[in-house]
Amino acid sequence: MMRLACILALAATLTACGDKAQTLSGTKHDGAAFEGTTNPYNAPGWKAGDKTSWEQQLKTRTQYGQNEYTRAN
């Protein structure tokens, strides 16, 4: 019984040594938010790659879509 426990403990110890290294090789770096996506659900009036259009769209969404004072009227 003691021999079996020692063998199981040794096996558990050796399996922990077999872990592979977890590195970040081949990662994709994100671009700027205004660069655009291939998502078909983009907001109307927004042109992908146009930073000014992106900023205007954010301003409009903040003013009319996320402002509870204007939505309550």
PDB file of N, CA and C in Angstrom:
ATOM      1  N   MET A   1       0.828  -1.187   0.000  1.00  0.00           N
ATOM      2  CA  MET A   1       0.000   0.000   0.000  1.00  0.00           C
ATOM      3  C   MET A   1       0.870   1.248   0.000  1.00  0.00           C
ATOM      4  N   MET A   2       1.916   1.237   0.828  1.00  0.00           N
ATOM      5  CA  MET A   2       2.820   2.376   0.907  1.00  0.00           C
ATOM      6  C   MET A   2       3.588   2.547  -0.400  1.00  0.00           C
ATOM      7  N   ARG A   3       3.902   1.411  -1.020  1.00  0.00           N
ATOM      8  CA  ARG A   3       4.638   1.455  -2.292  1.00  0.00           C
ATOM      9  C   ARG A   3       3.775   2.103  -3.381  1.00  0.00           C
ATOM     10  N   LEU A   4       2.499   1.786  -3.409  1.00  0.00           N
ATOM     11  CA  LEU A   4       1.580   2.362  -4.389  1.00  0.00           C
ATOM     12  C   LEU A   4       1.428   3.870  -4.178  1.00  0.00           C
ATOM     13  N   ALA A   5       1.366   4.300  -2.939  1.00  0.00           N
ATOM     14  CA  ALA A   5       1.264   5.728  -2.643  1.00  0.00           C
ATOM     15  C   ALA A   5       2.516   6.474  -3.085  1.00  0.00           C
ATOM     16  N   CYS A   6       3.675   5.866  -2.894  1.00  0.00           N
ATOM     17  CA  CYS A   6       4.933   6.499  -3.331  1.00  0.00           C
ATOM     18  C   CYS A   6       5.002   6.595  -4.843  1.00  0.00           C
ATOM     19  N   ILE A   7       4.553   5.561  -5.536  1.00  0.00           N
ATOM     20  CA  ILE A   7       4.563   5.568  -7.005  1.00  0.00           C
ATOM     21  C   ILE A   7       3.610   6.645  -7.533  1.00  0.00           C
ATOM     22  N   LEU A   8       2.430   6.760  -6.935  1.00  0.00           N
ATOM     23  CA  LEU A   8       1.467   7.783  -7.365  1.00  0.00           C
ATOM     24  C   LEU A   8       1.993   9.193  -7.088  1.00  0.00           C
ATOM     25  N   ALA A   9       2.654   9.371  -5.956  1.00  0.00           N
ATOM     26  CA  ALA A   9       3.222  10.686  -5.638  1.00  0.00           C
ATOM     27  C   ALA A   9       4.338  11.036  -6.616  1.00  0.00           C
ATOM     28  N   LEU A  10       5.169  10.068  -6.962  1.00  0.00           N
ATOM     29  CA  LEU A  10       6.252  10.293  -7.925  1.00  0.00           C
ATOM     30  C   LEU A  10       5.681  10.604  -9.308  1.00  0.00           C
ATOM     31  N   ALA A  11       4.636   9.895  -9.711  1.00  0.00           N
ATOM     32  CA  ALA A  11       4.010  10.139 -11.015  1.00  0.00           C
ATOM     33  C   ALA A  11       3.395  11.544 -11.068  1.00  0.00           C
ATOM     34  N   ALA A  12       2.756  11.961  -9.986  1.00  0.00           N
ATOM     35  CA  ALA A  12       2.156  13.299  -9.944  1.00  0.00           C
ATOM     36  C   ALA A  12       3.235  14.376  -9.995  1.00  0.00           C
ATOM     37  N   THR A  13       4.345  14.131  -9.350  1.00  0.00           N
ATOM     38  CA  THR A  13       5.449  15.100  -9.358  1.00  0.00           C
ATOM     39  C   THR A  13       6.058  15.225 -10.747  1.00  0.00           C
ATOM     40  N   LEU A  14       6.239  14.100 -11.423  1.00  0.00           N
ATOM     41  CA  LEU A  14       6.855  14.129 -12.752  1.00  0.00           C
ATOM     42  C   LEU A  14       5.934  14.725 -13.813  1.00  0.00           C
ATOM     43  N   THR A  15       4.630  14.570 -13.672  1.00  0.00           N
ATOM     44  CA  THR A  15       3.723  15.160 -14.659  1.00  0.00           C
ATOM     45  C   THR A  15       3.722  16.680 -14.557  1.00  0.00           C
ATOM     46  N   ALA A  16       3.998  17.213 -13.400  1.00  0.00           N
ATOM     47  CA  ALA A  16       4.061  18.669 -13.254  1.00  0.00           C
ATOM     48  C   ALA A  16       5.271  19.235 -13.975  1.00  0.00           C
ATOM     49  N   CYS A  17       6.307  18.452 -14.144  1.00  0.00           N
ATOM     50  CA  CYS A  17       7.506  18.914 -14.844  1.00  0.00           C
ATOM     51  C   CYS A  17       7.318  18.920 -16.356  1.00  0.00           C
ATOM     52  N   GLY A  18       6.270  18.305 -16.849  1.00  0.00           N
ATOM     53  CA  GLY A  18       6.054  18.208 -18.280  1.00  0.00           C
ATOM     54  C   GLY A  18       5.251  19.345 -18.871  1.00  0.00           C
ATOM     55  N   ASP A  19       4.974  20.392 -18.125  1.00  0.00           N
ATOM     56  CA  ASP A  19       4.200  21.515 -18.656  1.00  0.00           C
ATOM     57  C   ASP A  19       4.977  22.242 -19.737  1.00  0.00           C
ATOM     58  N   LYS A  20       4.271  22.654 -20.756  1.00  0.00           N
ATOM     59  CA  LYS A  20       4.884  23.430 -21.834  1.00  0.00           C
ATOM     60  C   LYS A  20       4.939  24.900 -21.431  1.00  0.00           C
ATOM     61  N   ALA A  21       5.921  25.601 -21.941  1.00  0.00           N
ATOM     62  CA  ALA A  21       6.033  27.038 -21.670  1.00  0.00           C
ATOM     63  C   ALA A  21       4.908  27.774 -22.395  1.00  0.00           C
ATOM     64  N   GLN A  22       4.305  28.726 -21.726  1.00  0.00           N
ATOM     65  CA  GLN A  22       3.213  29.499 -22.302  1.00  0.00           C
ATOM     66  C   GLN A  22       3.745  30.861 -22.713  1.00  0.00           C
ATOM     67  N   THR A  23       4.096  30.994 -23.965  1.00  0.00           N
ATOM     68  CA  THR A  23       4.655  32.242 -24.465  1.00  0.00           C
ATOM     69  C   THR A  23       3.655  32.930 -25.375  1.00  0.00           C
ATOM     70  N   LEU A  24       3.888  34.178 -25.656  1.00  0.00           N
ATOM     71  CA  LEU A  24       2.994  34.978 -26.493  1.00  0.00           C
ATOM     72  C   LEU A  24       3.526  35.091 -27.914  1.00  0.00           C
ATOM     73  N   SER A  25       3.903  34.010 -28.495  1.00  0.00           N
ATOM     74  CA  SER A  25       4.400  34.067 -29.866  1.00  0.00           C
ATOM     75  C   SER A  25       3.230  34.133 -30.835  1.00  0.00           C
ATOM     76  N   GLY A  26       3.376  34.953 -31.842  1.00  0.00           N
ATOM     77  CA  GLY A  26       2.345  35.066 -32.865  1.00  0.00           C
ATOM     78  C   GLY A  26       1.123  35.851 -32.438  1.00  0.00           C
ATOM     79  N   THR A  27       1.264  36.804 -31.545  1.00  0.00           N
ATOM     80  CA  THR A  27       0.111  37.580 -31.111  1.00  0.00           C
ATOM     81  C   THR A  27      -0.237  38.644 -32.135  1.00  0.00           C
ATOM     82  N   LYS A  28      -1.484  39.002 -32.165  1.00  0.00           N
ATOM     83  CA  LYS A  28      -1.966  40.037 -33.070  1.00  0.00           C
ATOM     84  C   LYS A  28      -2.120  41.333 -32.278  1.00  0.00           C
ATOM     85  N   HIS A  29      -1.522  42.384 -32.755  1.00  0.00           N
ATOM     86  CA  HIS A  29      -1.635  43.672 -32.083  1.00  0.00           C
ATOM     87  C   HIS A  29      -2.807  44.441 -32.688  1.00  0.00           C
ATOM     88  N   ASP A  30      -3.582  45.047 -31.822  1.00  0.00           N
ATOM     89  CA  ASP A  30      -4.761  45.776 -32.274  1.00  0.00           C
ATOM     90  C   ASP A  30      -4.361  47.094 -32.916  1.00  0.00           C
ATOM     91  N   GLY A  31      -5.177  47.529 -33.847  1.00  0.00           N
ATOM     92  CA  GLY A  31      -4.982  48.822 -34.480  1.00  0.00           C
ATOM     93  C   GLY A  31      -5.831  49.872 -33.781  1.00  0.00           C
ATOM     94  N   ALA A  32      -5.844  51.053 -34.335  1.00  0.00           N
ATOM     95  CA  ALA A  32      -6.648  52.141 -33.771  1.00  0.00           C
ATOM     96  C   ALA A  32      -8.137  51.817 -33.949  1.00  0.00           C
ATOM     97  N   ALA A  33      -8.949  52.319 -33.051  1.00  0.00           N
ATOM     98  CA  ALA A  33     -10.380  52.005 -33.072  1.00  0.00           C
ATOM     99  C   ALA A  33     -11.066  52.532 -34.328  1.00  0.00           C
ATOM    100  N   PHE A  34     -10.619  53.655 -34.853  1.00  0.00           N
ATOM    101  CA  PHE A  34     -11.284  54.241 -36.013  1.00  0.00           C
ATOM    102  C   PHE A  34     -10.909  53.545 -37.321  1.00  0.00           C
ATOM    103  N   GLU A  35      -9.993  52.576 -37.270  1.00  0.00           N
ATOM    104  CA  GLU A  35      -9.581  51.858 -38.483  1.00  0.00           C
ATOM    105  C   GLU A  35     -10.739  51.072 -39.086  1.00  0.00           C
ATOM    106  N   GLY A  36     -11.640  50.615 -38.245  1.00  0.00           N
ATOM    107  CA  GLY A  36     -12.822  49.944 -38.760  1.00  0.00           C
ATOM    108  C   GLY A  36     -12.785  48.445 -38.579  1.00  0.00           C
ATOM    109  N   THR A  37     -13.911  47.833 -38.888  1.00  0.00           N
ATOM    110  CA  THR A  37     -14.063  46.389 -38.770  1.00  0.00           C
ATOM    111  C   THR A  37     -14.771  45.870 -40.005  1.00  0.00           C
ATOM    112  N   THR A  38     -14.924  44.575 -40.060  1.00  0.00           N
ATOM    113  CA  THR A  38     -15.705  43.969 -41.135  1.00  0.00           C
ATOM    114  C   THR A  38     -17.116  43.656 -40.645  1.00  0.00           C
ATOM    115  N   ASN A  39     -17.490  44.235 -39.532  1.00  0.00           N
ATOM    116  CA  ASN A  39     -18.792  44.015 -38.927  1.00  0.00           C
ATOM    117  C   ASN A  39     -19.868  44.725 -39.749  1.00  0.00           C
ATOM    118  N   PRO A  40     -20.926  44.025 -40.168  1.00  0.00           N
ATOM    119  CA  PRO A  40     -21.973  44.667 -40.966  1.00  0.00           C
ATOM    120  C   PRO A  40     -22.898  45.565 -40.143  1.00  0.00           C
ATOM    121  N   TYR A  41     -22.721  45.628 -38.828  1.00  0.00           N
ATOM    122  CA  TYR A  41     -23.618  46.393 -37.965  1.00  0.00           C
ATOM    123  C   TYR A  41     -23.013  47.724 -37.536  1.00  0.00           C
ATOM    124  N   ASN A  42     -22.167  48.300 -38.350  1.00  0.00           N
ATOM    125  CA  ASN A  42     -21.586  49.607 -38.025  1.00  0.00           C
ATOM    126  C   ASN A  42     -22.667  50.670 -38.047  1.00  0.00           C
ATOM    127  N   ALA A  43     -22.447  51.724 -37.296  1.00  0.00           N
ATOM    128  CA  ALA A  43     -23.421  52.814 -37.232  1.00  0.00           C
ATOM    129  C   ALA A  43     -23.498  53.531 -38.574  1.00  0.00           C
ATOM    130  N   PRO A  44     -24.686  53.930 -38.987  1.00  0.00           N
ATOM    131  CA  PRO A  44     -24.816  54.650 -40.248  1.00  0.00           C
ATOM    132  C   PRO A  44     -24.143  56.018 -40.166  1.00  0.00           C
ATOM    133  N   GLY A  45     -23.477  56.408 -41.222  1.00  0.00           N
ATOM    134  CA  GLY A  45     -22.804  57.694 -41.257  1.00  0.00           C
ATOM    135  C   GLY A  45     -21.339  57.617 -40.869  1.00  0.00           C
ATOM    136  N   TRP A  46     -20.905  56.470 -40.384  1.00  0.00           N
ATOM    137  CA  TRP A  46     -19.509  56.322 -39.996  1.00  0.00           C
ATOM    138  C   TRP A  46     -18.735  55.679 -41.124  1.00  0.00           C
ATOM    139  N   LYS A  47     -17.598  56.288 -41.471  1.00  0.00           N
ATOM    140  CA  LYS A  47     -16.749  55.766 -42.538  1.00  0.00           C
ATOM    141  C   LYS A  47     -15.503  55.148 -41.903  1.00  0.00           C
ATOM    142  N   ALA A  48     -15.231  53.896 -42.226  1.00  0.00           N
ATOM    143  CA  ALA A  48     -14.078  53.196 -41.652  1.00  0.00           C
ATOM    144  C   ALA A  48     -12.780  53.861 -42.096  1.00  0.00           C
ATOM    145  N   GLY A  49     -11.868  54.095 -41.148  1.00  0.00           N
ATOM    146  CA  GLY A  49     -10.571  54.688 -41.439  1.00  0.00           C
ATOM    147  C   GLY A  49     -10.535  56.199 -41.324  1.00  0.00           C
ATOM    148  N   ASP A  50     -11.686  56.839 -41.123  1.00  0.00           N
ATOM    149  CA  ASP A  50     -11.761  58.295 -41.018  1.00  0.00           C
ATOM    150  C   ASP A  50     -11.865  58.678 -39.539  1.00  0.00           C
ATOM    151  N   LYS A  51     -10.777  59.232 -38.993  1.00  0.00           N
ATOM    152  CA  LYS A  51     -10.741  59.545 -37.567  1.00  0.00           C
ATOM    153  C   LYS A  51     -11.751  60.624 -37.199  1.00  0.00           C
ATOM    154  N   THR A  52     -11.922  61.629 -38.052  1.00  0.00           N
ATOM    155  CA  THR A  52     -12.876  62.707 -37.771  1.00  0.00           C
ATOM    156  C   THR A  52     -14.300  62.162 -37.732  1.00  0.00           C
ATOM    157  N   SER A  53     -14.627  61.282 -38.660  1.00  0.00           N
ATOM    158  CA  SER A  53     -15.948  60.660 -38.681  1.00  0.00           C
ATOM    159  C   SER A  53     -16.168  59.815 -37.431  1.00  0.00           C
ATOM    160  N   TRP A  54     -15.130  59.121 -36.988  1.00  0.00           N
ATOM    161  CA  TRP A  54     -15.210  58.309 -35.772  1.00  0.00           C
ATOM    162  C   TRP A  54     -15.489  59.178 -34.550  1.00  0.00           C
ATOM    163  N   GLU A  55     -14.753  60.281 -34.428  1.00  0.00           N
ATOM    164  CA  GLU A  55     -14.953  61.178 -33.283  1.00  0.00           C
ATOM    165  C   GLU A  55     -16.339  61.807 -33.299  1.00  0.00           C
ATOM    166  N   GLN A  56     -16.828  62.175 -34.479  1.00  0.00           N
ATOM    167  CA  GLN A  56     -18.165  62.749 -34.598  1.00  0.00           C
ATOM    168  C   GLN A  56     -19.226  61.724 -34.222  1.00  0.00           C
ATOM    169  N   GLN A  57     -19.025  60.479 -34.624  1.00  0.00           N
ATOM    170  CA  GLN A  57     -19.975  59.420 -34.289  1.00  0.00           C
ATOM    171  C   GLN A  57     -20.009  59.180 -32.779  1.00  0.00           C
ATOM    172  N   LEU A  58     -18.851  59.212 -32.127  1.00  0.00           N
ATOM    173  CA  LEU A  58     -18.808  59.052 -30.677  1.00  0.00           C
ATOM    174  C   LEU A  58     -19.505  60.213 -29.966  1.00  0.00           C
ATOM    175  N   LYS A  59     -19.278  61.411 -30.465  1.00  0.00           N
ATOM    176  CA  LYS A  59     -19.928  62.580 -29.867  1.00  0.00           C
ATOM    177  C   LYS A  59     -21.448  62.493 -30.012  1.00  0.00           C
ATOM    178  N   THR A  60     -21.903  62.090 -31.184  1.00  0.00           N
ATOM    179  CA  THR A  60     -23.342  61.965 -31.425  1.00  0.00           C
ATOM    180  C   THR A  60     -23.948  60.879 -30.540  1.00  0.00           C
ATOM    181  N   ARG A  61     -23.267  59.757 -30.434  1.00  0.00           N
ATOM    182  CA  ARG A  61     -23.786  58.664 -29.609  1.00  0.00           C
ATOM    183  C   ARG A  61     -23.830  59.072 -28.143  1.00  0.00           C
ATOM    184  N   THR A  62     -22.818  59.786 -27.695  1.00  0.00           N
ATOM    185  CA  THR A  62     -22.795  60.226 -26.297  1.00  0.00           C
ATOM    186  C   THR A  62     -23.905  61.231 -26.032  1.00  0.00           C
ATOM    187  N   GLN A  63     -24.122  62.136 -26.949  1.00  0.00           N
ATOM    188  CA  GLN A  63     -25.112  63.191 -26.749  1.00  0.00           C
ATOM    189  C   GLN A  63     -26.544  62.672 -26.813  1.00  0.00           C
ATOM    190  N   TYR A  64     -26.833  61.810 -27.791  1.00  0.00           N
ATOM    191  CA  TYR A  64     -28.224  61.412 -28.007  1.00  0.00           C
ATOM    192  C   TYR A  64     -28.547  59.993 -27.548  1.00  0.00           C
ATOM    193  N   GLY A  65     -27.593  59.088 -27.640  1.00  0.00           N
ATOM    194  CA  GLY A  65     -27.889  57.706 -27.311  1.00  0.00           C
ATOM    195  C   GLY A  65     -27.654  57.330 -25.879  1.00  0.00           C
ATOM    196  N   GLN A  66     -26.686  57.984 -25.215  1.00  0.00           N
ATOM    197  CA  GLN A  66     -26.337  57.590 -23.861  1.00  0.00           C
ATOM    198  C   GLN A  66     -26.654  58.663 -22.843  1.00  0.00           C
ATOM    199  N   ASN A  67     -27.304  59.733 -23.255  1.00  0.00           N
ATOM    200  CA  ASN A  67     -27.651  60.814 -22.357  1.00  0.00           C
ATOM    201  C   ASN A  67     -29.102  60.613 -21.902  1.00  0.00           C
ATOM    202  N   GLU A  68     -29.279  60.280 -20.647  1.00  0.00           N
ATOM    203  CA  GLU A  68     -30.620  59.975 -20.148  1.00  0.00           C
ATOM    204  C   GLU A  68     -31.548  61.203 -20.153  1.00  0.00           C
ATOM    205  N   TYR A  69     -31.001  62.401 -20.071  1.00  0.00           N
ATOM    206  CA  TYR A  69     -31.825  63.601 -20.071  1.00  0.00           C
ATOM    207  C   TYR A  69     -32.485  63.820 -21.436  1.00  0.00           C
ATOM    208  N   THR A  70     -31.774  63.546 -22.510  1.00  0.00           N
ATOM    209  CA  THR A  70     -32.362  63.720 -23.840  1.00  0.00           C
ATOM    210  C   THR A  70     -33.259  62.537 -24.219  1.00  0.00           C
ATOM    211  N   ARG A  71     -33.011  61.364 -23.660  1.00  0.00           N
ATOM    212  CA  ARG A  71     -33.817  60.189 -23.990  1.00  0.00           C
ATOM    213  C   ARG A  71     -35.170  60.213 -23.284  1.00  0.00           C
ATOM    214  N   ALA A  72     -35.257  60.881 -22.149  1.00  0.00           N
ATOM    215  CA  ALA A  72     -36.490  60.893 -21.361  1.00  0.00           C
ATOM    216  C   ALA A  72     -37.557  61.793 -21.989  1.00  0.00           C
ATOM    217  N   ASN A  73     -37.178  62.717 -22.832  1.00  0.00           N
ATOM    218  CA  ASN A  73     -38.149  63.661 -23.413  1.00  0.00           C
ATOM    219  C   ASN A  73     -38.973  63.041 -24.481  1.00  0.00           C
TER     220      ASN A  73
END
